[in-house]
Amino acid sequence: MEKNRPCYEKRIGSIRVAIWENTSDTNGTPKKWHNVSLTRRYKDGNEWKEAPTLNGLGDLAQAALALQLATDWISQRQESSPAQDELTE
């Protein structure tokens, strides 16, 4: 079984943002939307791990940049294919 991979991924320092594309077909109407995950990588001994929490201003600045890049990536896709509506709620 193939593992589902993000359609976009970017690392800024220890912060990783990933975008996952989802599609559905409800009553013959195709819909596309994106989920975004934000994680912080850290090393515990010799092992790399991920955490959902951020540490201090440095992580916040990196997270803000990563989320802005994710926003730009999704916005560009929406502009290039207006027939695909992003679910907002």
PDB file of N, CA and C in Angstrom:
ATOM      1  N   MET A   1       0.838  -1.178   0.000  1.00  0.00           N
ATOM      2  CA  MET A   1       0.000   0.000   0.000  1.00  0.00           C
ATOM      3  C   MET A   1       0.887   1.246   0.000  1.00  0.00           C
ATOM      4  N   GLU A   2       0.611   2.177  -0.906  1.00  0.00           N
ATOM      5  CA  GLU A   2       1.402   3.387  -1.027  1.00  0.00           C
ATOM      6  C   GLU A   2       0.968   4.415   0.008  1.00  0.00           C
ATOM      7  N   LYS A   3       1.950   5.041   0.650  1.00  0.00           N
ATOM      8  CA  LYS A   3       1.668   6.046   1.664  1.00  0.00           C
ATOM      9  C   LYS A   3       1.280   7.364   0.991  1.00  0.00           C
ATOM     10  N   ASN A   4       0.217   7.979   1.473  1.00  0.00           N
ATOM     11  CA  ASN A   4      -0.222   9.267   0.961  1.00  0.00           C
ATOM     12  C   ASN A   4       0.815  10.330   1.319  1.00  0.00           C
ATOM     13  N   ARG A   5       1.216  11.108   0.334  1.00  0.00           N
ATOM     14  CA  ARG A   5       2.242  12.126   0.548  1.00  0.00           C
ATOM     15  C   ARG A   5       1.645  13.514   0.359  1.00  0.00           C
ATOM     16  N   PRO A   6       2.238  14.511   1.013  1.00  0.00           N
ATOM     17  CA  PRO A   6       1.748  15.876   0.820  1.00  0.00           C
ATOM     18  C   PRO A   6       2.010  16.346  -0.609  1.00  0.00           C
ATOM     19  N   CYS A   7       1.151  17.238  -1.094  1.00  0.00           N
ATOM     20  CA  CYS A   7       1.351  17.802  -2.435  1.00  0.00           C
ATOM     21  C   CYS A   7       2.317  18.985  -2.381  1.00  0.00           C
ATOM     22  N   TYR A   8       2.586  19.496  -1.180  1.00  0.00           N
ATOM     23  CA  TYR A   8       3.546  20.585  -0.991  1.00  0.00           C
ATOM     24  C   TYR A   8       4.161  20.417   0.388  1.00  0.00           C
ATOM     25  N   GLU A   9       5.454  20.648   0.472  1.00  0.00           N
ATOM     26  CA  GLU A   9       6.153  20.556   1.751  1.00  0.00           C
ATOM     27  C   GLU A   9       7.297  21.551   1.746  1.00  0.00           C
ATOM     28  N   LYS A  10       7.476  22.269   2.856  1.00  0.00           N
ATOM     29  CA  LYS A  10       8.552  23.252   2.965  1.00  0.00           C
ATOM     30  C   LYS A  10       9.083  23.244   4.386  1.00  0.00           C
ATOM     31  N   ARG A  11      10.398  23.311   4.513  1.00  0.00           N
ATOM     32  CA  ARG A  11      11.032  23.420   5.828  1.00  0.00           C
ATOM     33  C   ARG A  11      11.670  24.799   5.959  1.00  0.00           C
ATOM     34  N   ILE A  12      11.391  25.441   7.071  1.00  0.00           N
ATOM     35  CA  ILE A  12      12.016  26.713   7.420  1.00  0.00           C
ATOM     36  C   ILE A  12      12.658  26.483   8.786  1.00  0.00           C
ATOM     37  N   GLY A  13      13.972  26.341   8.813  1.00  0.00           N
ATOM     38  CA  GLY A  13      14.640  26.013  10.073  1.00  0.00           C
ATOM     39  C   GLY A  13      14.128  24.680  10.594  1.00  0.00           C
ATOM     40  N   SER A  14      13.636  24.681  11.824  1.00  0.00           N
ATOM     41  CA  SER A  14      13.124  23.443  12.424  1.00  0.00           C
ATOM     42  C   SER A  14      11.635  23.235  12.166  1.00  0.00           C
ATOM     43  N   ILE A  15      11.011  24.157  11.441  1.00  0.00           N
ATOM     44  CA  ILE A  15       9.565  24.107  11.201  1.00  0.00           C
ATOM     45  C   ILE A  15       9.284  23.488   9.836  1.00  0.00           C
ATOM     46  N   ARG A  16       8.298  22.593   9.801  1.00  0.00           N
ATOM     47  CA  ARG A  16       7.878  21.962   8.544  1.00  0.00           C
ATOM     48  C   ARG A  16       6.398  22.224   8.345  1.00  0.00           C
ATOM     49  N   VAL A  17       6.053  22.722   7.157  1.00  0.00           N
ATOM     50  CA  VAL A  17       4.650  22.864   6.778  1.00  0.00           C
ATOM     51  C   VAL A  17       4.397  21.896   5.624  1.00  0.00           C
ATOM     52  N   ALA A  18       3.257  21.218   5.680  1.00  0.00           N
ATOM     53  CA  ALA A  18       2.881  20.278   4.620  1.00  0.00           C
ATOM     54  C   ALA A  18       1.427  20.523   4.250  1.00  0.00           C
ATOM     55  N   ILE A  19       1.141  20.430   2.958  1.00  0.00           N
ATOM     56  CA  ILE A  19      -0.220  20.607   2.459  1.00  0.00           C
ATOM     57  C   ILE A  19      -0.670  19.291   1.852  1.00  0.00           C
ATOM     58  N   TRP A  20      -1.873  18.890   2.224  1.00  0.00           N
ATOM     59  CA  TRP A  20      -2.481  17.655   1.734  1.00  0.00           C
ATOM     60  C   TRP A  20      -3.700  18.027   0.910  1.00  0.00           C
ATOM     61  N   GLU A  21      -3.775  17.519  -0.312  1.00  0.00           N
ATOM     62  CA  GLU A  21      -4.922  17.806  -1.177  1.00  0.00           C
ATOM     63  C   GLU A  21      -5.979  16.717  -1.016  1.00  0.00           C
ATOM     64  N   ASN A  22      -7.210  17.146  -0.872  1.00  0.00           N
ATOM     65  CA  ASN A  22      -8.344  16.233  -0.722  1.00  0.00           C
ATOM     66  C   ASN A  22      -9.370  16.538  -1.802  1.00  0.00           C
ATOM     67  N   THR A  23     -10.046  15.514  -2.256  1.00  0.00           N
ATOM     68  CA  THR A  23     -11.104  15.700  -3.247  1.00  0.00           C
ATOM     69  C   THR A  23     -12.310  14.861  -2.856  1.00  0.00           C
ATOM     70  N   SER A  24     -13.463  15.324  -3.286  1.00  0.00           N
ATOM     71  CA  SER A  24     -14.690  14.545  -3.105  1.00  0.00           C
ATOM     72  C   SER A  24     -15.620  14.869  -4.260  1.00  0.00           C
ATOM     73  N   ASP A  25     -16.584  14.017  -4.458  1.00  0.00           N
ATOM     74  CA  ASP A  25     -17.586  14.218  -5.499  1.00  0.00           C
ATOM     75  C   ASP A  25     -18.949  14.039  -4.838  1.00  0.00           C
ATOM     76  N   THR A  26     -19.590  15.161  -4.530  1.00  0.00           N
ATOM     77  CA  THR A  26     -20.885  15.139  -3.866  1.00  0.00           C
ATOM     78  C   THR A  26     -21.966  15.510  -4.866  1.00  0.00           C
ATOM     79  N   ASN A  27     -22.869  14.590  -5.094  1.00  0.00           N
ATOM     80  CA  ASN A  27     -23.975  14.820  -6.035  1.00  0.00           C
ATOM     81  C   ASN A  27     -23.476  15.273  -7.405  1.00  0.00           C
ATOM     82  N   GLY A  28     -22.384  14.682  -7.864  1.00  0.00           N
ATOM     83  CA  GLY A  28     -21.857  15.005  -9.184  1.00  0.00           C
ATOM     84  C   GLY A  28     -21.050  16.288  -9.243  1.00  0.00           C
ATOM     85  N   THR A  29     -20.847  16.950  -8.107  1.00  0.00           N
ATOM     86  CA  THR A  29     -20.078  18.189  -8.073  1.00  0.00           C
ATOM     87  C   THR A  29     -18.717  17.923  -7.427  1.00  0.00           C
ATOM     88  N   PRO A  30     -17.636  17.998  -8.217  1.00  0.00           N
ATOM     89  CA  PRO A  30     -16.315  17.750  -7.633  1.00  0.00           C
ATOM     90  C   PRO A  30     -15.885  18.916  -6.745  1.00  0.00           C
ATOM     91  N   LYS A  31     -15.285  18.599  -5.625  1.00  0.00           N
ATOM     92  CA  LYS A  31     -14.761  19.602  -4.698  1.00  0.00           C
ATOM     93  C   LYS A  31     -13.319  19.248  -4.365  1.00  0.00           C
ATOM     94  N   LYS A  32     -12.516  20.278  -4.158  1.00  0.00           N
ATOM     95  CA  LYS A  32     -11.128  20.091  -3.764  1.00  0.00           C
ATOM     96  C   LYS A  32     -10.850  21.018  -2.591  1.00  0.00           C
ATOM     97  N   TRP A  33     -10.149  20.513  -1.585  1.00  0.00           N
ATOM     98  CA  TRP A  33      -9.743  21.352  -0.469  1.00  0.00           C
ATOM     99  C   TRP A  33      -8.396  20.863   0.046  1.00  0.00           C
ATOM    100  N   HIS A  34      -7.787  21.680   0.895  1.00  0.00           N
ATOM    101  CA  HIS A  34      -6.451  21.375   1.406  1.00  0.00           C
ATOM    102  C   HIS A  34      -6.444  21.380   2.929  1.00  0.00           C
ATOM    103  N   ASN A  35      -5.712  20.438   3.501  1.00  0.00           N
ATOM    104  CA  ASN A  35      -5.398  20.437   4.927  1.00  0.00           C
ATOM    105  C   ASN A  35      -3.930  20.806   5.062  1.00  0.00           C
ATOM    106  N   VAL A  36      -3.607  21.556   6.104  1.00  0.00           N
ATOM    107  CA  VAL A  36      -2.239  22.014   6.318  1.00  0.00           C
ATOM    108  C   VAL A  36      -1.768  21.543   7.691  1.00  0.00           C
ATOM    109  N   SER A  37      -0.579  20.960   7.733  1.00  0.00           N
ATOM    110  CA  SER A  37       0.005  20.575   9.019  1.00  0.00           C
ATOM    111  C   SER A  37       1.288  21.365   9.246  1.00  0.00           C
ATOM    112  N   LEU A  38       1.526  21.697  10.503  1.00  0.00           N
ATOM    113  CA  LEU A  38       2.709  22.454  10.906  1.00  0.00           C
ATOM    114  C   LEU A  38       3.354  21.697  12.063  1.00  0.00           C
ATOM    115  N   THR A  39       4.620  21.345  11.913  1.00  0.00           N
ATOM    116  CA  THR A  39       5.323  20.615  12.961  1.00  0.00           C
ATOM    117  C   THR A  39       6.706  21.211  13.177  1.00  0.00           C
ATOM    118  N   ARG A  40       7.247  20.952  14.359  1.00  0.00           N
ATOM    119  CA  ARG A  40       8.605  21.381  14.708  1.00  0.00           C
ATOM    120  C   ARG A  40       9.457  20.136  14.893  1.00  0.00           C
ATOM    121  N   ARG A  41      10.598  20.100  14.218  1.00  0.00           N
ATOM    122  CA  ARG A  41      11.523  18.968  14.364  1.00  0.00           C
ATOM    123  C   ARG A  41      12.540  19.289  15.457  1.00  0.00           C
ATOM    124  N   TYR A  42      12.887  18.261  16.217  1.00  0.00           N
ATOM    125  CA  TYR A  42      13.919  18.411  17.236  1.00  0.00           C
ATOM    126  C   TYR A  42      14.637  17.075  17.401  1.00  0.00           C
ATOM    127  N   LYS A  43      15.811  17.138  17.971  1.00  0.00           N
ATOM    128  CA  LYS A  43      16.608  15.932  18.148  1.00  0.00           C
ATOM    129  C   LYS A  43      16.593  15.539  19.621  1.00  0.00           C
ATOM    130  N   ASP A  44      16.267  14.278  19.869  1.00  0.00           N
ATOM    131  CA  ASP A  44      16.261  13.701  21.214  1.00  0.00           C
ATOM    132  C   ASP A  44      17.331  12.615  21.225  1.00  0.00           C
ATOM    133  N   GLY A  45      18.507  12.965  21.727  1.00  0.00           N
ATOM    134  CA  GLY A  45      19.642  12.045  21.627  1.00  0.00           C
ATOM    135  C   GLY A  45      20.084  11.962  20.182  1.00  0.00           C
ATOM    136  N   ASN A  46      20.045  10.766  19.608  1.00  0.00           N
ATOM    137  CA  ASN A  46      20.398  10.579  18.195  1.00  0.00           C
ATOM    138  C   ASN A  46      19.176  10.475  17.299  1.00  0.00           C
ATOM    139  N   GLU A  47      18.005  10.634  17.871  1.00  0.00           N
ATOM    140  CA  GLU A  47      16.760  10.418  17.124  1.00  0.00           C
ATOM    141  C   GLU A  47      16.039  11.743  16.844  1.00  0.00           C
ATOM    142  N   TRP A  48      15.625  11.931  15.579  1.00  0.00           N
ATOM    143  CA  TRP A  48      14.823  13.096  15.209  1.00  0.00           C
ATOM    144  C   TRP A  48      13.357  12.811  15.499  1.00  0.00           C
ATOM    145  N   LYS A  49      12.692  13.801  16.086  1.00  0.00           N
ATOM    146  CA  LYS A  49      11.274  13.681  16.414  1.00  0.00           C
ATOM    147  C   LYS A  49      10.545  14.926  15.942  1.00  0.00           C
ATOM    148  N   GLU A  50       9.205  14.849  15.948  1.00  0.00           N
ATOM    149  CA  GLU A  50       8.377  15.998  15.579  1.00  0.00           C
ATOM    150  C   GLU A  50       7.429  16.319  16.722  1.00  0.00           C
ATOM    151  N   ALA A  51       7.156  17.615  16.893  1.00  0.00           N
ATOM    152  CA  ALA A  51       6.236  18.065  17.936  1.00  0.00           C
ATOM    153  C   ALA A  51       5.253  19.065  17.337  1.00  0.00           C
ATOM    154  N   PRO A  52       4.035  19.100  17.865  1.00  0.00           N
ATOM    155  CA  PRO A  52       3.042  20.065  17.369  1.00  0.00           C
ATOM    156  C   PRO A  52       3.149  21.433  18.040  1.00  0.00           C
ATOM    157  N   THR A  53       4.088  21.584  18.984  1.00  0.00           N
ATOM    158  CA  THR A  53       4.217  22.843  19.719  1.00  0.00           C
ATOM    159  C   THR A  53       5.423  23.630  19.222  1.00  0.00           C
ATOM    160  N   LEU A  54       5.402  24.934  19.459  1.00  0.00           N
ATOM    161  CA  LEU A  54       6.487  25.821  19.053  1.00  0.00           C
ATOM    162  C   LEU A  54       7.177  26.364  20.295  1.00  0.00           C
ATOM    163  N   ASN A  55       8.467  26.697  20.163  1.00  0.00           N
ATOM    164  CA  ASN A  55       9.253  27.223  21.278  1.00  0.00           C
ATOM    165  C   ASN A  55       9.741  28.630  20.962  1.00  0.00           C
ATOM    166  N   GLY A  56       9.145  29.626  21.581  1.00  0.00           N
ATOM    167  CA  GLY A  56       9.662  30.979  21.529  1.00  0.00           C
ATOM    168  C   GLY A  56       9.487  31.706  20.210  1.00  0.00           C
ATOM    169  N   LEU A  57      10.061  32.904  20.186  1.00  0.00           N
ATOM    170  CA  LEU A  57       9.903  33.800  19.039  1.00  0.00           C
ATOM    171  C   LEU A  57      10.539  33.259  17.765  1.00  0.00           C
ATOM    172  N   GLY A  58      11.659  32.561  17.895  1.00  0.00           N
ATOM    173  CA  GLY A  58      12.309  32.005  16.703  1.00  0.00           C
ATOM    174  C   GLY A  58      11.412  31.035  15.961  1.00  0.00           C
ATOM    175  N   ASP A  59      10.795  30.120  16.700  1.00  0.00           N
ATOM    176  CA  ASP A  59       9.870  29.172  16.075  1.00  0.00           C
ATOM    177  C   ASP A  59       8.648  29.887  15.517  1.00  0.00           C
ATOM    178  N   LEU A  60       8.160  30.895  16.238  1.00  0.00           N
ATOM    179  CA  LEU A  60       6.984  31.630  15.750  1.00  0.00           C
ATOM    180  C   LEU A  60       7.278  32.335  14.432  1.00  0.00           C
ATOM    181  N   ALA A  61       8.454  32.944  14.316  1.00  0.00           N
ATOM    182  CA  ALA A  61       8.821  33.630  13.074  1.00  0.00           C
ATOM    183  C   ALA A  61       8.943  32.634  11.924  1.00  0.00           C
ATOM    184  N   GLN A  62       9.574  31.485  12.186  1.00  0.00           N
ATOM    185  CA  GLN A  62       9.702  30.460  11.152  1.00  0.00           C
ATOM    186  C   GLN A  62       8.337  29.906  10.761  1.00  0.00           C
ATOM    187  N   ALA A  63       7.468  29.706  11.743  1.00  0.00           N
ATOM    188  CA  ALA A  63       6.125  29.189  11.470  1.00  0.00           C
ATOM    189  C   ALA A  63       5.320  30.191  10.652  1.00  0.00           C
ATOM    190  N   ALA A  64       5.442  31.476  10.970  1.00  0.00           N
ATOM    191  CA  ALA A  64       4.717  32.504  10.221  1.00  0.00           C
ATOM    192  C   ALA A  64       5.139  32.490   8.755  1.00  0.00           C
ATOM    193  N   LEU A  65       6.437  32.386   8.500  1.00  0.00           N
ATOM    194  CA  LEU A  65       6.928  32.338   7.120  1.00  0.00           C
ATOM    195  C   LEU A  65       6.450  31.067   6.421  1.00  0.00           C
ATOM    196  N   ALA A  66       6.531  29.938   7.106  1.00  0.00           N
ATOM    197  CA  ALA A  66       6.090  28.671   6.512  1.00  0.00           C
ATOM    198  C   ALA A  66       4.606  28.714   6.171  1.00  0.00           C
ATOM    199  N   LEU A  67       3.790  29.265   7.072  1.00  0.00           N
ATOM    200  CA  LEU A  67       2.350  29.360   6.809  1.00  0.00           C
ATOM    201  C   LEU A  67       2.051  30.343   5.682  1.00  0.00           C
ATOM    202  N   GLN A  68       2.832  31.423   5.571  1.00  0.00           N
ATOM    203  CA  GLN A  68       2.635  32.358   4.458  1.00  0.00           C
ATOM    204  C   GLN A  68       2.951  31.681   3.131  1.00  0.00           C
ATOM    205  N   LEU A  69       4.018  30.888   3.093  1.00  0.00           N
ATOM    206  CA  LEU A  69       4.354  30.153   1.867  1.00  0.00           C
ATOM    207  C   LEU A  69       3.256  29.158   1.509  1.00  0.00           C
ATOM    208  N   ALA A  70       2.686  28.499   2.507  1.00  0.00           N
ATOM    209  CA  ALA A  70       1.586  27.561   2.262  1.00  0.00           C
ATOM    210  C   ALA A  70       0.361  28.301   1.739  1.00  0.00           C
ATOM    211  N   THR A  71       0.065  29.454   2.323  1.00  0.00           N
ATOM    212  CA  THR A  71      -1.059  30.275   1.863  1.00  0.00           C
ATOM    213  C   THR A  71      -0.864  30.681   0.409  1.00  0.00           C
ATOM    214  N   ASP A  72       0.340  31.128   0.076  1.00  0.00           N
ATOM    215  CA  ASP A  72       0.642  31.534  -1.302  1.00  0.00           C
ATOM    216  C   ASP A  72       0.488  30.356  -2.262  1.00  0.00           C
ATOM    217  N   TRP A  73       0.966  29.181  -1.865  1.00  0.00           N
ATOM    218  CA  TRP A  73       0.896  27.997  -2.728  1.00  0.00           C
ATOM    219  C   TRP A  73      -0.555  27.634  -3.019  1.00  0.00           C
ATOM    220  N   ILE A  74      -1.394  27.605  -1.982  1.00  0.00           N
ATOM    221  CA  ILE A  74      -2.808  27.275  -2.180  1.00  0.00           C
ATOM    222  C   ILE A  74      -3.493  28.350  -3.018  1.00  0.00           C
ATOM    223  N   SER A  75      -3.209  29.614  -2.737  1.00  0.00           N
ATOM    224  CA  SER A  75      -3.826  30.716  -3.490  1.00  0.00           C
ATOM    225  C   SER A  75      -3.488  30.638  -4.971  1.00  0.00           C
ATOM    226  N   GLN A  76      -2.240  30.317  -5.295  1.00  0.00           N
ATOM    227  CA  GLN A  76      -1.837  30.198  -6.698  1.00  0.00           C
ATOM    228  C   GLN A  76      -2.590  29.075  -7.394  1.00  0.00           C
ATOM    229  N   ARG A  77      -2.817  27.971  -6.712  1.00  0.00           N
ATOM    230  CA  ARG A  77      -3.565  26.864  -7.309  1.00  0.00           C
ATOM    231  C   ARG A  77      -5.015  27.247  -7.545  1.00  0.00           C
ATOM    232  N   GLN A  78      -5.592  27.994  -6.619  1.00  0.00           N
ATOM    233  CA  GLN A  78      -6.987  28.411  -6.781  1.00  0.00           C
ATOM    234  C   GLN A  78      -7.133  29.375  -7.954  1.00  0.00           C
ATOM    235  N   GLU A  79      -6.172  30.276  -8.120  1.00  0.00           N
ATOM    236  CA  GLU A  79      -6.231  31.235  -9.220  1.00  0.00           C
ATOM    237  C   GLU A  79      -6.056  30.550 -10.567  1.00  0.00           C
ATOM    238  N   SER A  80      -5.236  29.488 -10.615  1.00  0.00           N
ATOM    239  CA  SER A  80      -4.971  28.826 -11.894  1.00  0.00           C
ATOM    240  C   SER A  80      -6.068  27.845 -12.287  1.00  0.00           C
ATOM    241  N   SER A  81      -6.922  27.447 -11.341  1.00  0.00           N
ATOM    242  CA  SER A  81      -8.028  26.545 -11.670  1.00  0.00           C
ATOM    243  C   SER A  81      -9.290  26.999 -10.947  1.00  0.00           C
ATOM    244  N   PRO A  82      -9.925  28.080 -11.429  1.00  0.00           N
ATOM    245  CA  PRO A  82     -11.094  28.627 -10.740  1.00  0.00           C
ATOM    246  C   PRO A  82     -12.286  27.687 -10.688  1.00  0.00           C
ATOM    247  N   ALA A  83     -12.309  26.651 -11.507  1.00  0.00           N
ATOM    248  CA  ALA A  83     -13.442  25.721 -11.481  1.00  0.00           C
ATOM    249  C   ALA A  83     -13.427  24.861 -10.222  1.00  0.00           C
ATOM    250  N   GLN A  84     -12.275  24.735  -9.593  1.00  0.00           N
ATOM    251  CA  GLN A  84     -12.158  23.944  -8.372  1.00  0.00           C
ATOM    252  C   GLN A  84     -12.331  24.863  -7.174  1.00  0.00           C
ATOM    253  N   ASP A  85     -13.403  24.699  -6.448  1.00  0.00           N
ATOM    254  CA  ASP A  85     -13.689  25.542  -5.295  1.00  0.00           C
ATOM    255  C   ASP A  85     -13.064  24.964  -4.045  1.00  0.00           C
ATOM    256  N   GLU A  86     -12.433  25.816  -3.267  1.00  0.00           N
ATOM    257  CA  GLU A  86     -11.895  25.421  -1.963  1.00  0.00           C
ATOM    258  C   GLU A  86     -13.032  25.458  -0.954  1.00  0.00           C
ATOM    259  N   LEU A  87     -13.183  24.397  -0.187  1.00  0.00           N
ATOM    260  CA  LEU A  87     -14.183  24.393   0.877  1.00  0.00           C
ATOM    261  C   LEU A  87     -13.674  25.285   1.996  1.00  0.00           C
ATOM    262  N   THR A  88     -14.485  26.204   2.445  1.00  0.00           N
ATOM    263  CA  THR A  88     -14.040  27.130   3.475  1.00  0.00           C
ATOM    264  C   THR A  88     -14.628  26.830   4.831  1.00  0.00           C
ATOM    265  N   GLU A  89     -15.719  26.112   4.897  1.00  0.00           N
ATOM    266  CA  GLU A  89     -16.300  25.805   6.194  1.00  0.00           C
ATOM    267  C   GLU A  89     -16.893  24.429   6.178  1.00  0.00           C
TER     268      GLU A  89
END
